[in-house]
Amino acid sequence: MPLKVYVVYRNSASEIDEVRELLTAHEMKEVTEPCSADFVLAIGDDRSVLDAVQLVGEKDVPILGASVGSSGYLTSVSLEDLGAALSVVERGEYEVATYTKLKGVIDGSTSLYALNEIAVFPSRSAALMRYELSIDGERIWSDRADGVLVSTPLGSTAYALSAGGVIVFENAPILEVVPVNSVDASKRPLVIPDTSKVELSGISSRYPCEAIADGGTRVKVKDRVEIYKSETPVKIMKVYSRPSVRETLRDIVEEASDMPPSAKFVLKMLEIKGSMSVRELVEATRLPERTVRYAISELVKRGFVRKVVNLRDARQFYYEAIA
C-alpha cells in the first residue's frame, strides 16, 4: 500500500508542483484530510509545522517539516533534500520526537492546539485585559495585564522566555503559566504539573480579546478559556539530526545573553513566521511600535536580522532572520 500524505503548503506554485512530482516518484498518495494520512508533510518553515499541529488536532499523525530557504528547529530537511528524505521515510529509518501538545477550549466550544503556547491577549497591542486564573478548579489570582500565556516545555524558550518565564527542559512533565506585563509585580510565572487544567475566566478588555495558538491561529474570546495537555502528543519526524533544545539554548545564551528581552522575542517571531514588516511585528508581538523598532535596530546591528526591500513596492521594507 502506498503511504498517504497530507501536505501543508506555504509557498509558490512551482514548489507545490515539485513536491507533487516527488510524491509521485515515491508512489506516495496525497490526501485531502490530515486524519486519513500516514504522515503530514509541512513545506516552508517552522510556521508550516505549527500550522500542521493545528490541522492534526487530536489525531495521532506524525509531521515531517521541509524548509524552503533557511532551516528551522522543527524542519528536518530542506526542500532540496526532500527526495532523499522520502526514501528514508519509505524505509522506516527515521526517528520520531514527541512533544507536549496543548489544547485550548474557548468559551466551551472552539478548540485550539499548540506546540509552544496558547496565549490570550486583547486584539489591540499594549492594551490591558482583566482575567481570573484558576488551576484544577482552585482560584489562584485575579489580574490586570497585557495578556497571559500557557507554555509547554518546548515553548519555554520561545514567547514564554521573552515574557519573563523560566527555561524548561523539553522532557519535563510540566506546564508554565506566564502573566505578560502584569500591573501587579507579585504576579510571577507559575510552573505546574502537566496534568493540571488551567482556566482563564472573566476575560475582558476595552477591545475584543483573542486566544492565539503558537502566534498563528486566533479565536475570539467572550469570557473563558480552558487550557490543558492534549491526550495525543505532537510527533515530529526526524530524518536527519537537529541540535537539541539544550544545544540551541546554549547558542542563544552565548550569542545574545545581553540582548533586551524584546529583541529576543522579535527574533524568535521572525524565525517562526519568516520575513515581516514593522507593522506585522507589532501585531504579532503585541509590543509597542517604538519597542519593536528598537528591537529591530539591535538585531540588525548584531547581525541577527537583515532588512530587505519589498520587490513589489520599493517603499516598503521587511525584516528577516539570518540563518
C-alpha atoms as a PDB file:
ATOM      1  CA  MET A   1       0.000   0.000   0.000  1.00  0.00           C
ATOM      2  CA  PRO A   2       1.338   3.475  -0.877  1.00  0.00           C
ATOM      3  CA  LEU A   3       1.953   5.864   2.006  1.00  0.00           C
ATOM      4  CA  LYS A   4      -0.751   8.528   2.281  1.00  0.00           C
ATOM      5  CA  VAL A   5       0.476  12.096   2.755  1.00  0.00           C
ATOM      6  CA  TYR A   6      -1.311  15.314   3.649  1.00  0.00           C
ATOM      7  CA  VAL A   7       0.710  18.349   2.554  1.00  0.00           C
ATOM      8  CA  VAL A   8       0.700  21.802   4.166  1.00  0.00           C
ATOM      9  CA  TYR A   9       1.930  24.371   1.633  1.00  0.00           C
ATOM     10  CA  ARG A  10       3.006  27.946   2.328  1.00  0.00           C
ATOM     11  CA  ASN A  11       4.932  28.553  -0.873  1.00  0.00           C
ATOM     12  CA  SER A  12       4.723  29.155  -4.616  1.00  0.00           C
ATOM     13  CA  ALA A  13       3.020  27.049  -7.257  1.00  0.00           C
ATOM     14  CA  SER A  14       6.394  25.874  -8.598  1.00  0.00           C
ATOM     15  CA  GLU A  15       7.257  24.354  -5.193  1.00  0.00           C
ATOM     16  CA  ILE A  16       3.852  22.699  -4.991  1.00  0.00           C
ATOM     17  CA  ASP A  17       4.448  21.103  -8.383  1.00  0.00           C
ATOM     18  CA  GLU A  18       7.931  19.993  -7.328  1.00  0.00           C
ATOM     19  CA  VAL A  19       6.617  18.344  -4.157  1.00  0.00           C
ATOM     20  CA  ARG A  20       3.840  16.551  -6.026  1.00  0.00           C
ATOM     21  CA  GLU A  21       6.339  15.214  -8.567  1.00  0.00           C
ATOM     22  CA  LEU A  22       8.462  13.838  -5.703  1.00  0.00           C
ATOM     23  CA  LEU A  23       5.444  12.190  -4.073  1.00  0.00           C
ATOM     24  CA  THR A  24       4.510  10.582  -7.378  1.00  0.00           C
ATOM     25  CA  ALA A  25       8.078   9.362  -7.919  1.00  0.00           C
ATOM     26  CA  HIS A  26       7.985   7.688  -4.493  1.00  0.00           C
ATOM     27  CA  GLU A  27       4.491   6.289  -5.125  1.00  0.00           C
ATOM     28  CA  MET A  28       3.002   8.243  -2.251  1.00  0.00           C
ATOM     29  CA  LYS A  29      -0.608   9.380  -2.393  1.00  0.00           C
ATOM     30  CA  GLU A  30      -1.584  12.957  -1.476  1.00  0.00           C
ATOM     31  CA  VAL A  31      -4.827  13.008   0.527  1.00  0.00           C
ATOM     32  CA  THR A  32      -7.199  15.854   1.325  1.00  0.00           C
ATOM     33  CA  GLU A  33      -7.658  15.213   5.067  1.00  0.00           C
ATOM     34  CA  PRO A  34      -4.819  15.010   7.626  1.00  0.00           C
ATOM     35  CA  CYS A  35      -6.722  12.444   9.697  1.00  0.00           C
ATOM     36  CA  SER A  36      -6.501   9.920   6.848  1.00  0.00           C
ATOM     37  CA  ALA A  37      -2.758  10.404   6.269  1.00  0.00           C
ATOM     38  CA  ASP A  38       0.175   8.262   7.383  1.00  0.00           C
ATOM     39  CA  PHE A  39       2.111  11.485   7.901  1.00  0.00           C
ATOM     40  CA  VAL A  40       1.794  15.213   7.284  1.00  0.00           C
ATOM     41  CA  LEU A  41       4.396  16.957   5.123  1.00  0.00           C
ATOM     42  CA  ALA A  42       4.810  20.631   6.080  1.00  0.00           C
ATOM     43  CA  ILE A  43       6.566  22.647   3.367  1.00  0.00           C
ATOM     44  CA  GLY A  44       8.040  26.062   4.164  1.00  0.00           C
ATOM     45  CA  ASP A  45       9.428  26.771   7.627  1.00  0.00           C
ATOM     46  CA  ASP A  46       8.695  26.231  11.313  1.00  0.00           C
ATOM     47  CA  ARG A  47       5.462  28.186  10.848  1.00  0.00           C
ATOM     48  CA  SER A  48       4.304  25.488   8.426  1.00  0.00           C
ATOM     49  CA  VAL A  49       4.936  22.822  11.064  1.00  0.00           C
ATOM     50  CA  LEU A  50       2.988  24.824  13.653  1.00  0.00           C
ATOM     51  CA  ASP A  51       0.103  25.159  11.185  1.00  0.00           C
ATOM     52  CA  ALA A  52       0.227  21.385  10.734  1.00  0.00           C
ATOM     53  CA  VAL A  53      -0.076  20.882  14.502  1.00  0.00           C
ATOM     54  CA  GLN A  54      -3.315  22.886  14.387  1.00  0.00           C
ATOM     55  CA  LEU A  55      -4.652  20.872  11.452  1.00  0.00           C
ATOM     56  CA  VAL A  56      -3.792  17.498  13.002  1.00  0.00           C
ATOM     57  CA  GLY A  57      -5.615  18.399  16.223  1.00  0.00           C
ATOM     58  CA  GLU A  58      -6.151  15.341  18.426  1.00  0.00           C
ATOM     59  CA  LYS A  59      -5.132  12.881  15.708  1.00  0.00           C
ATOM     60  CA  ASP A  60      -2.004  10.787  16.244  1.00  0.00           C
ATOM     61  CA  VAL A  61      -0.309  11.677  12.938  1.00  0.00           C
ATOM     62  CA  PRO A  62       3.446  12.467  12.689  1.00  0.00           C
ATOM     63  CA  ILE A  63       4.693  15.588  10.904  1.00  0.00           C
ATOM     64  CA  LEU A  64       7.699  15.930   8.593  1.00  0.00           C
ATOM     65  CA  GLY A  65       8.884  19.507   8.097  1.00  0.00           C
ATOM     66  CA  ALA A  66      10.791  20.520   4.952  1.00  0.00           C
ATOM     67  CA  SER A  67      12.292  24.003   4.845  1.00  0.00           C
ATOM     68  CA  VAL A  68      12.388  26.380   1.895  1.00  0.00           C
ATOM     69  CA  GLY A  69      15.332  28.714   2.424  1.00  0.00           C
ATOM     70  CA  SER A  70      16.724  28.901   5.952  1.00  0.00           C
ATOM     71  CA  SER A  71      16.182  25.834   8.133  1.00  0.00           C
ATOM     72  CA  GLY A  72      14.377  25.836  11.469  1.00  0.00           C
ATOM     73  CA  TYR A  73      14.308  23.736  14.618  1.00  0.00           C
ATOM     74  CA  LEU A  74      11.182  21.834  13.574  1.00  0.00           C
ATOM     75  CA  THR A  75      12.049  21.271   9.911  1.00  0.00           C
ATOM     76  CA  SER A  76      14.021  18.071   9.476  1.00  0.00           C
ATOM     77  CA  VAL A  77      15.174  18.547   5.864  1.00  0.00           C
ATOM     78  CA  SER A  78      15.452  21.159   3.131  1.00  0.00           C
ATOM     79  CA  LEU A  79      13.273  21.066   0.028  1.00  0.00           C
ATOM     80  CA  GLU A  80      16.400  20.194  -1.985  1.00  0.00           C
ATOM     81  CA  ASP A  81      16.886  17.054   0.153  1.00  0.00           C
ATOM     82  CA  LEU A  82      13.218  16.073   0.255  1.00  0.00           C
ATOM     83  CA  GLY A  83      13.548  13.309  -2.342  1.00  0.00           C
ATOM     84  CA  ALA A  84      16.242  11.557  -0.297  1.00  0.00           C
ATOM     85  CA  ALA A  85      14.228  12.122   2.880  1.00  0.00           C
ATOM     86  CA  LEU A  86      11.146  10.474   1.373  1.00  0.00           C
ATOM     87  CA  SER A  87      13.279   7.439   0.587  1.00  0.00           C
ATOM     88  CA  VAL A  88      14.299   7.316   4.257  1.00  0.00           C
ATOM     89  CA  VAL A  89      10.630   7.542   5.257  1.00  0.00           C
ATOM     90  CA  GLU A  90       9.754   4.696   2.874  1.00  0.00           C
ATOM     91  CA  ARG A  91      12.355   2.502   4.548  1.00  0.00           C
ATOM     92  CA  GLY A  92      11.105   3.485   8.015  1.00  0.00           C
ATOM     93  CA  GLU A  93      14.582   4.598   9.072  1.00  0.00           C
ATOM     94  CA  TYR A  94      13.525   7.918  10.618  1.00  0.00           C
ATOM     95  CA  GLU A  95      13.095   8.819  14.302  1.00  0.00           C
ATOM     96  CA  VAL A  96      10.055  10.403  15.902  1.00  0.00           C
ATOM     97  CA  ALA A  97      10.431  13.087  18.565  1.00  0.00           C
ATOM     98  CA  THR A  98       7.363  13.571  20.782  1.00  0.00           C
ATOM     99  CA  TYR A  99       6.446  16.857  22.400  1.00  0.00           C
ATOM    100  CA  THR A 100       3.649  18.023  24.669  1.00  0.00           C
ATOM    101  CA  LYS A 101       0.656  19.361  22.768  1.00  0.00           C
ATOM    102  CA  LEU A 102      -1.654  21.948  24.330  1.00  0.00           C
ATOM    103  CA  LYS A 103      -5.394  22.027  23.810  1.00  0.00           C
ATOM    104  CA  GLY A 104      -7.403  25.167  24.417  1.00  0.00           C
ATOM    105  CA  VAL A 105     -11.195  25.255  24.588  1.00  0.00           C
ATOM    106  CA  ILE A 106     -12.653  28.717  24.034  1.00  0.00           C
ATOM    107  CA  ASP A 107     -15.981  29.538  25.679  1.00  0.00           C
ATOM    108  CA  GLY A 108     -16.771  25.833  25.929  1.00  0.00           C
ATOM    109  CA  SER A 109     -16.857  25.227  22.165  1.00  0.00           C
ATOM    110  CA  THR A 110     -13.991  26.056  19.773  1.00  0.00           C
ATOM    111  CA  SER A 111     -10.736  24.099  20.201  1.00  0.00           C
ATOM    112  CA  LEU A 112      -7.172  25.236  19.552  1.00  0.00           C
ATOM    113  CA  TYR A 113      -3.969  23.188  19.539  1.00  0.00           C
ATOM    114  CA  ALA A 114      -0.400  24.359  20.060  1.00  0.00           C
ATOM    115  CA  LEU A 115       3.146  23.067  20.295  1.00  0.00           C
ATOM    116  CA  ASN A 116       4.656  26.102  22.046  1.00  0.00           C
ATOM    117  CA  GLU A 117       1.955  28.106  23.786  1.00  0.00           C
ATOM    118  CA  ILE A 118      -1.623  29.300  23.882  1.00  0.00           C
ATOM    119  CA  ALA A 119      -1.875  32.984  24.758  1.00  0.00           C
ATOM    120  CA  VAL A 120      -4.798  35.296  25.485  1.00  0.00           C
ATOM    121  CA  PHE A 121      -4.476  38.987  24.578  1.00  0.00           C
ATOM    122  CA  PRO A 122      -6.648  41.949  23.637  1.00  0.00           C
ATOM    123  CA  SER A 123      -6.866  42.366  19.859  1.00  0.00           C
ATOM    124  CA  ARG A 124      -5.111  45.733  20.179  1.00  0.00           C
ATOM    125  CA  SER A 125      -1.481  45.738  21.287  1.00  0.00           C
ATOM    126  CA  ALA A 126      -0.402  47.378  24.577  1.00  0.00           C
ATOM    127  CA  ALA A 127      -3.992  47.274  25.932  1.00  0.00           C
ATOM    128  CA  LEU A 128      -4.761  45.844  29.369  1.00  0.00           C
ATOM    129  CA  MET A 129      -7.145  42.954  29.995  1.00  0.00           C
ATOM    130  CA  ARG A 130      -8.669  41.520  33.152  1.00  0.00           C
ATOM    131  CA  TYR A 131      -8.839  37.823  33.873  1.00  0.00           C
ATOM    132  CA  GLU A 132      -9.103  35.352  36.721  1.00  0.00           C
ATOM    133  CA  LEU A 133      -6.738  32.379  36.896  1.00  0.00           C
ATOM    134  CA  SER A 134      -7.817  29.018  38.306  1.00  0.00           C
ATOM    135  CA  ILE A 135      -5.854  25.761  38.279  1.00  0.00           C
ATOM    136  CA  ASP A 136      -7.680  22.458  38.727  1.00  0.00           C
ATOM    137  CA  GLY A 137     -10.715  24.387  39.921  1.00  0.00           C
ATOM    138  CA  GLU A 138      -8.825  26.349  42.592  1.00  0.00           C
ATOM    139  CA  ARG A 139      -8.764  30.138  42.185  1.00  0.00           C
ATOM    140  CA  ILE A 140      -5.178  31.438  42.107  1.00  0.00           C
ATOM    141  CA  TRP A 141      -5.495  35.158  41.359  1.00  0.00           C
ATOM    142  CA  SER A 142      -7.265  37.970  39.533  1.00  0.00           C
ATOM    143  CA  ASP A 143      -5.029  40.141  37.393  1.00  0.00           C
ATOM    144  CA  ARG A 144      -4.756  43.050  35.008  1.00  0.00           C
ATOM    145  CA  ALA A 145      -2.055  42.549  32.380  1.00  0.00           C
ATOM    146  CA  ASP A 146      -1.230  42.870  28.702  1.00  0.00           C
ATOM    147  CA  GLY A 147      -2.083  39.171  28.465  1.00  0.00           C
ATOM    148  CA  VAL A 148      -1.334  35.717  29.787  1.00  0.00           C
ATOM    149  CA  LEU A 149       0.011  32.530  28.217  1.00  0.00           C
ATOM    150  CA  VAL A 150       0.352  28.841  28.985  1.00  0.00           C
ATOM    151  CA  SER A 151       3.515  27.243  27.621  1.00  0.00           C
ATOM    152  CA  THR A 152       4.803  23.728  27.020  1.00  0.00           C
ATOM    153  CA  PRO A 153       8.416  22.831  27.919  1.00  0.00           C
ATOM    154  CA  LEU A 154       9.402  23.283  24.253  1.00  0.00           C
ATOM    155  CA  GLY A 155       7.700  26.671  24.189  1.00  0.00           C
ATOM    156  CA  SER A 156       9.544  27.837  27.300  1.00  0.00           C
ATOM    157  CA  THR A 157      12.403  29.122  25.102  1.00  0.00           C
ATOM    158  CA  ALA A 158      10.012  30.977  22.789  1.00  0.00           C
ATOM    159  CA  TYR A 159       7.397  33.591  23.759  1.00  0.00           C
ATOM    160  CA  ALA A 160       7.321  32.499  27.412  1.00  0.00           C
ATOM    161  CA  LEU A 161      11.027  33.253  27.892  1.00  0.00           C
ATOM    162  CA  SER A 162      10.755  36.755  26.460  1.00  0.00           C
ATOM    163  CA  ALA A 163       7.754  37.413  28.734  1.00  0.00           C
ATOM    164  CA  GLY A 164       9.778  36.550  31.847  1.00  0.00           C
ATOM    165  CA  GLY A 165       9.211  32.804  32.106  1.00  0.00           C
ATOM    166  CA  VAL A 166      11.743  30.168  33.072  1.00  0.00           C
ATOM    167  CA  ILE A 167      13.596  27.727  30.828  1.00  0.00           C
ATOM    168  CA  VAL A 168      12.238  24.183  30.972  1.00  0.00           C
ATOM    169  CA  PHE A 169      13.906  21.070  29.535  1.00  0.00           C
ATOM    170  CA  GLU A 170      11.736  19.581  26.797  1.00  0.00           C
ATOM    171  CA  ASN A 171      11.023  16.270  28.556  1.00  0.00           C
ATOM    172  CA  ALA A 172       9.910  17.796  31.864  1.00  0.00           C
ATOM    173  CA  PRO A 173       6.283  16.826  32.784  1.00  0.00           C
ATOM    174  CA  ILE A 174       5.183  20.408  33.485  1.00  0.00           C
ATOM    175  CA  LEU A 175       3.420  23.427  32.008  1.00  0.00           C
ATOM    176  CA  GLU A 176       4.185  27.090  32.604  1.00  0.00           C
ATOM    177  CA  VAL A 177       1.715  29.937  33.193  1.00  0.00           C
ATOM    178  CA  VAL A 178       3.175  33.366  32.420  1.00  0.00           C
ATOM    179  CA  PRO A 179       1.380  36.683  33.012  1.00  0.00           C
ATOM    180  CA  VAL A 180       2.572  39.246  30.452  1.00  0.00           C
ATOM    181  CA  ASN A 181       3.369  42.702  31.836  1.00  0.00           C
ATOM    182  CA  SER A 182       1.071  42.415  34.846  1.00  0.00           C
ATOM    183  CA  VAL A 183       0.353  45.652  36.709  1.00  0.00           C
ATOM    184  CA  ASP A 184       0.985  43.678  39.918  1.00  0.00           C
ATOM    185  CA  ALA A 185       4.660  42.760  40.335  1.00  0.00           C
ATOM    186  CA  SER A 186       3.700  39.871  42.644  1.00  0.00           C
ATOM    187  CA  LYS A 187       2.120  38.001  39.738  1.00  0.00           C
ATOM    188  CA  ARG A 188       5.027  35.791  38.715  1.00  0.00           C
ATOM    189  CA  PRO A 189       5.263  32.828  36.296  1.00  0.00           C
ATOM    190  CA  LEU A 190       3.941  29.544  37.682  1.00  0.00           C
ATOM    191  CA  VAL A 191       5.276  26.046  36.978  1.00  0.00           C
ATOM    192  CA  ILE A 192       2.556  23.408  37.329  1.00  0.00           C
ATOM    193  CA  PRO A 193       2.174  19.655  36.614  1.00  0.00           C
ATOM    194  CA  ASP A 194       1.223  18.902  33.028  1.00  0.00           C
ATOM    195  CA  THR A 195      -1.811  17.024  34.347  1.00  0.00           C
ATOM    196  CA  SER A 196      -3.320  20.328  35.502  1.00  0.00           C
ATOM    197  CA  LYS A 197      -6.167  22.184  33.836  1.00  0.00           C
ATOM    198  CA  VAL A 198      -5.734  25.953  33.557  1.00  0.00           C
ATOM    199  CA  GLU A 199      -8.864  28.086  33.411  1.00  0.00           C
ATOM    200  CA  LEU A 200      -8.857  31.765  32.466  1.00  0.00           C
ATOM    201  CA  SER A 201     -12.264  33.287  33.179  1.00  0.00           C
ATOM    202  CA  GLY A 202     -13.859  36.723  33.378  1.00  0.00           C
ATOM    203  CA  ILE A 203     -11.696  37.796  30.433  1.00  0.00           C
ATOM    204  CA  SER A 204     -12.445  41.392  29.477  1.00  0.00           C
ATOM    205  CA  SER A 205     -10.838  44.466  27.941  1.00  0.00           C
ATOM    206  CA  ARG A 206     -11.731  47.684  26.160  1.00  0.00           C
ATOM    207  CA  TYR A 207     -11.015  45.748  22.982  1.00  0.00           C
ATOM    208  CA  PRO A 208     -12.073  42.237  21.898  1.00  0.00           C
ATOM    209  CA  CYS A 209      -9.821  39.505  23.296  1.00  0.00           C
ATOM    210  CA  GLU A 210      -8.341  36.561  21.393  1.00  0.00           C
ATOM    211  CA  ALA A 211      -6.857  33.169  22.147  1.00  0.00           C
ATOM    212  CA  ILE A 212      -3.767  32.678  19.973  1.00  0.00           C
ATOM    213  CA  ALA A 213      -2.126  29.317  19.271  1.00  0.00           C
ATOM    214  CA  ASP A 214       1.624  29.461  18.551  1.00  0.00           C
ATOM    215  CA  GLY A 215       1.366  33.040  17.321  1.00  0.00           C
ATOM    216  CA  GLY A 216      -0.835  31.955  14.415  1.00  0.00           C
ATOM    217  CA  THR A 217      -4.454  30.794  14.672  1.00  0.00           C
ATOM    218  CA  ARG A 218      -6.661  33.267  16.564  1.00  0.00           C
ATOM    219  CA  VAL A 219     -10.120  32.771  18.057  1.00  0.00           C
ATOM    220  CA  LYS A 220     -12.259  35.492  19.644  1.00  0.00           C
ATOM    221  CA  VAL A 221     -12.877  35.039  23.374  1.00  0.00           C
ATOM    222  CA  LYS A 222     -16.053  36.170  25.101  1.00  0.00           C
ATOM    223  CA  ASP A 223     -15.340  35.097  28.665  1.00  0.00           C
ATOM    224  CA  ARG A 224     -13.376  31.890  29.273  1.00  0.00           C
ATOM    225  CA  VAL A 225     -10.519  29.716  28.009  1.00  0.00           C
ATOM    226  CA  GLU A 226      -9.545  26.283  29.358  1.00  0.00           C
ATOM    227  CA  ILE A 227      -6.037  25.048  28.551  1.00  0.00           C
ATOM    228  CA  TYR A 228      -4.598  21.616  29.266  1.00  0.00           C
ATOM    229  CA  LYS A 229      -2.322  18.917  27.864  1.00  0.00           C
ATOM    230  CA  SER A 230      -3.800  17.096  24.890  1.00  0.00           C
ATOM    231  CA  GLU A 231      -4.204  13.326  25.064  1.00  0.00           C
ATOM    232  CA  THR A 232      -2.008  12.954  21.958  1.00  0.00           C
ATOM    233  CA  PRO A 233       1.488  14.476  21.685  1.00  0.00           C
ATOM    234  CA  VAL A 234       2.981  16.306  18.739  1.00  0.00           C
ATOM    235  CA  LYS A 235       5.101  13.845  16.743  1.00  0.00           C
ATOM    236  CA  ILE A 236       7.896  15.350  14.660  1.00  0.00           C
ATOM    237  CA  MET A 237       9.657  13.067  12.182  1.00  0.00           C
ATOM    238  CA  LYS A 238      13.443  13.430  12.335  1.00  0.00           C
ATOM    239  CA  VAL A 239      15.106  12.237   9.150  1.00  0.00           C
ATOM    240  CA  TYR A 240      18.383  13.967   9.925  1.00  0.00           C
ATOM    241  CA  SER A 241      19.540  15.031  13.377  1.00  0.00           C
ATOM    242  CA  ARG A 242      18.962  18.555  14.607  1.00  0.00           C
ATOM    243  CA  PRO A 243      20.507  20.336  17.614  1.00  0.00           C
ATOM    244  CA  SER A 244      18.712  19.618  20.876  1.00  0.00           C
ATOM    245  CA  VAL A 245      16.843  22.312  22.762  1.00  0.00           C
ATOM    246  CA  ARG A 246      19.743  22.427  25.216  1.00  0.00           C
ATOM    247  CA  GLU A 247      22.259  22.990  22.414  1.00  0.00           C
ATOM    248  CA  THR A 248      20.043  25.605  20.817  1.00  0.00           C
ATOM    249  CA  LEU A 249      19.567  27.300  24.172  1.00  0.00           C
ATOM    250  CA  ARG A 250      23.326  27.355  24.782  1.00  0.00           C
ATOM    251  CA  ASP A 251      23.829  29.098  21.431  1.00  0.00           C
ATOM    252  CA  ILE A 252      21.148  31.656  22.280  1.00  0.00           C
ATOM    253  CA  VAL A 253      22.701  32.384  25.647  1.00  0.00           C
ATOM    254  CA  GLU A 254      26.234  32.674  24.236  1.00  0.00           C
ATOM    255  CA  GLU A 255      25.306  34.833  21.255  1.00  0.00           C
ATOM    256  CA  ALA A 256      22.614  37.051  22.749  1.00  0.00           C
ATOM    257  CA  SER A 257      22.990  36.988  26.529  1.00  0.00           C
ATOM    258  CA  ASP A 258      22.997  40.778  26.814  1.00  0.00           C
ATOM    259  CA  MET A 259      20.218  41.372  24.301  1.00  0.00           C
ATOM    260  CA  PRO A 260      16.968  43.004  25.543  1.00  0.00           C
ATOM    261  CA  PRO A 261      14.048  40.551  26.025  1.00  0.00           C
ATOM    262  CA  SER A 262      12.043  42.442  23.390  1.00  0.00           C
ATOM    263  CA  ALA A 263      14.811  41.845  20.821  1.00  0.00           C
ATOM    264  CA  LYS A 264      14.920  38.112  21.639  1.00  0.00           C
ATOM    265  CA  PHE A 265      11.146  37.961  21.236  1.00  0.00           C
ATOM    266  CA  VAL A 266      11.183  39.760  17.877  1.00  0.00           C
ATOM    267  CA  LEU A 267      13.985  37.468  16.664  1.00  0.00           C
ATOM    268  CA  LYS A 268      12.028  34.370  17.682  1.00  0.00           C
ATOM    269  CA  MET A 269       8.939  35.674  15.885  1.00  0.00           C
ATOM    270  CA  LEU A 270      10.946  36.247  12.680  1.00  0.00           C
ATOM    271  CA  GLU A 271      12.421  32.751  12.942  1.00  0.00           C
ATOM    272  CA  ILE A 272       8.950  31.233  13.279  1.00  0.00           C
ATOM    273  CA  LYS A 273       6.966  33.340  10.808  1.00  0.00           C
ATOM    274  CA  GLY A 274       9.586  34.417   8.280  1.00  0.00           C
ATOM    275  CA  SER A 275      10.059  37.962   6.960  1.00  0.00           C
ATOM    276  CA  MET A 276       7.730  40.578   8.442  1.00  0.00           C
ATOM    277  CA  SER A 277       7.207  44.330   8.351  1.00  0.00           C
ATOM    278  CA  VAL A 278       7.298  46.524  11.450  1.00  0.00           C
ATOM    279  CA  ARG A 279       3.508  46.705  11.429  1.00  0.00           C
ATOM    280  CA  GLU A 280       3.193  42.921  11.212  1.00  0.00           C
ATOM    281  CA  LEU A 281       5.668  42.518  14.078  1.00  0.00           C
ATOM    282  CA  VAL A 282       3.677  44.933  16.227  1.00  0.00           C
ATOM    283  CA  GLU A 283       0.508  42.918  15.583  1.00  0.00           C
ATOM    284  CA  ALA A 284       2.230  39.565  16.185  1.00  0.00           C
ATOM    285  CA  THR A 285       4.182  40.504  19.325  1.00  0.00           C
ATOM    286  CA  ARG A 286       1.690  42.942  20.887  1.00  0.00           C
ATOM    287  CA  LEU A 287       4.653  45.193  21.672  1.00  0.00           C
ATOM    288  CA  PRO A 288       4.526  48.982  21.165  1.00  0.00           C
ATOM    289  CA  GLU A 289       5.861  50.112  17.788  1.00  0.00           C
ATOM    290  CA  ARG A 290       8.684  52.050  19.433  1.00  0.00           C
ATOM    291  CA  THR A 291       9.824  48.880  21.242  1.00  0.00           C
ATOM    292  CA  VAL A 292       9.685  46.828  18.032  1.00  0.00           C
ATOM    293  CA  ARG A 293      11.755  49.394  16.129  1.00  0.00           C
ATOM    294  CA  TYR A 294      14.369  49.460  18.892  1.00  0.00           C
ATOM    295  CA  ALA A 295      14.484  45.649  18.935  1.00  0.00           C
ATOM    296  CA  ILE A 296      14.975  45.544  15.159  1.00  0.00           C
ATOM    297  CA  SER A 297      17.786  48.103  15.305  1.00  0.00           C
ATOM    298  CA  GLU A 298      19.583  45.964  17.914  1.00  0.00           C
ATOM    299  CA  LEU A 299      19.115  42.777  15.895  1.00  0.00           C
ATOM    300  CA  VAL A 300      20.343  44.372  12.665  1.00  0.00           C
ATOM    301  CA  LYS A 301      23.362  45.862  14.448  1.00  0.00           C
ATOM    302  CA  ARG A 302      24.282  42.469  15.927  1.00  0.00           C
ATOM    303  CA  GLY A 303      23.872  40.651  12.619  1.00  0.00           C
ATOM    304  CA  PHE A 304      20.856  38.522  13.604  1.00  0.00           C
ATOM    305  CA  VAL A 305      18.413  40.220  11.203  1.00  0.00           C
ATOM    306  CA  ARG A 306      18.637  41.890   7.800  1.00  0.00           C
ATOM    307  CA  LYS A 307      16.478  44.463   6.079  1.00  0.00           C
ATOM    308  CA  VAL A 308      15.001  43.513   2.700  1.00  0.00           C
ATOM    309  CA  VAL A 309      13.087  45.562   0.143  1.00  0.00           C
ATOM    310  CA  ASN A 310       9.606  44.557  -0.997  1.00  0.00           C
ATOM    311  CA  LEU A 311      10.141  43.827  -4.689  1.00  0.00           C
ATOM    312  CA  ARG A 312       6.579  44.890  -5.473  1.00  0.00           C
ATOM    313  CA  ASP A 313       6.907  48.232  -3.675  1.00  0.00           C
ATOM    314  CA  ALA A 314      10.403  49.625  -3.072  1.00  0.00           C
ATOM    315  CA  ARG A 315       8.975  51.954  -0.423  1.00  0.00           C
ATOM    316  CA  GLN A 316       8.191  49.015   1.839  1.00  0.00           C
ATOM    317  CA  PHE A 317      10.724  47.103   3.899  1.00  0.00           C
ATOM    318  CA  TYR A 318      10.676  43.730   5.623  1.00  0.00           C
ATOM    319  CA  TYR A 319      12.981  42.137   8.144  1.00  0.00           C
ATOM    320  CA  GLU A 320      14.129  38.525   8.177  1.00  0.00           C
ATOM    321  CA  ALA A 321      16.247  36.396  10.491  1.00  0.00           C
ATOM    322  CA  ILE A 322      19.675  35.456   9.177  1.00  0.00           C
ATOM    323  CA  ALA A 323      20.176  31.690   9.292  1.00  0.00           C
END
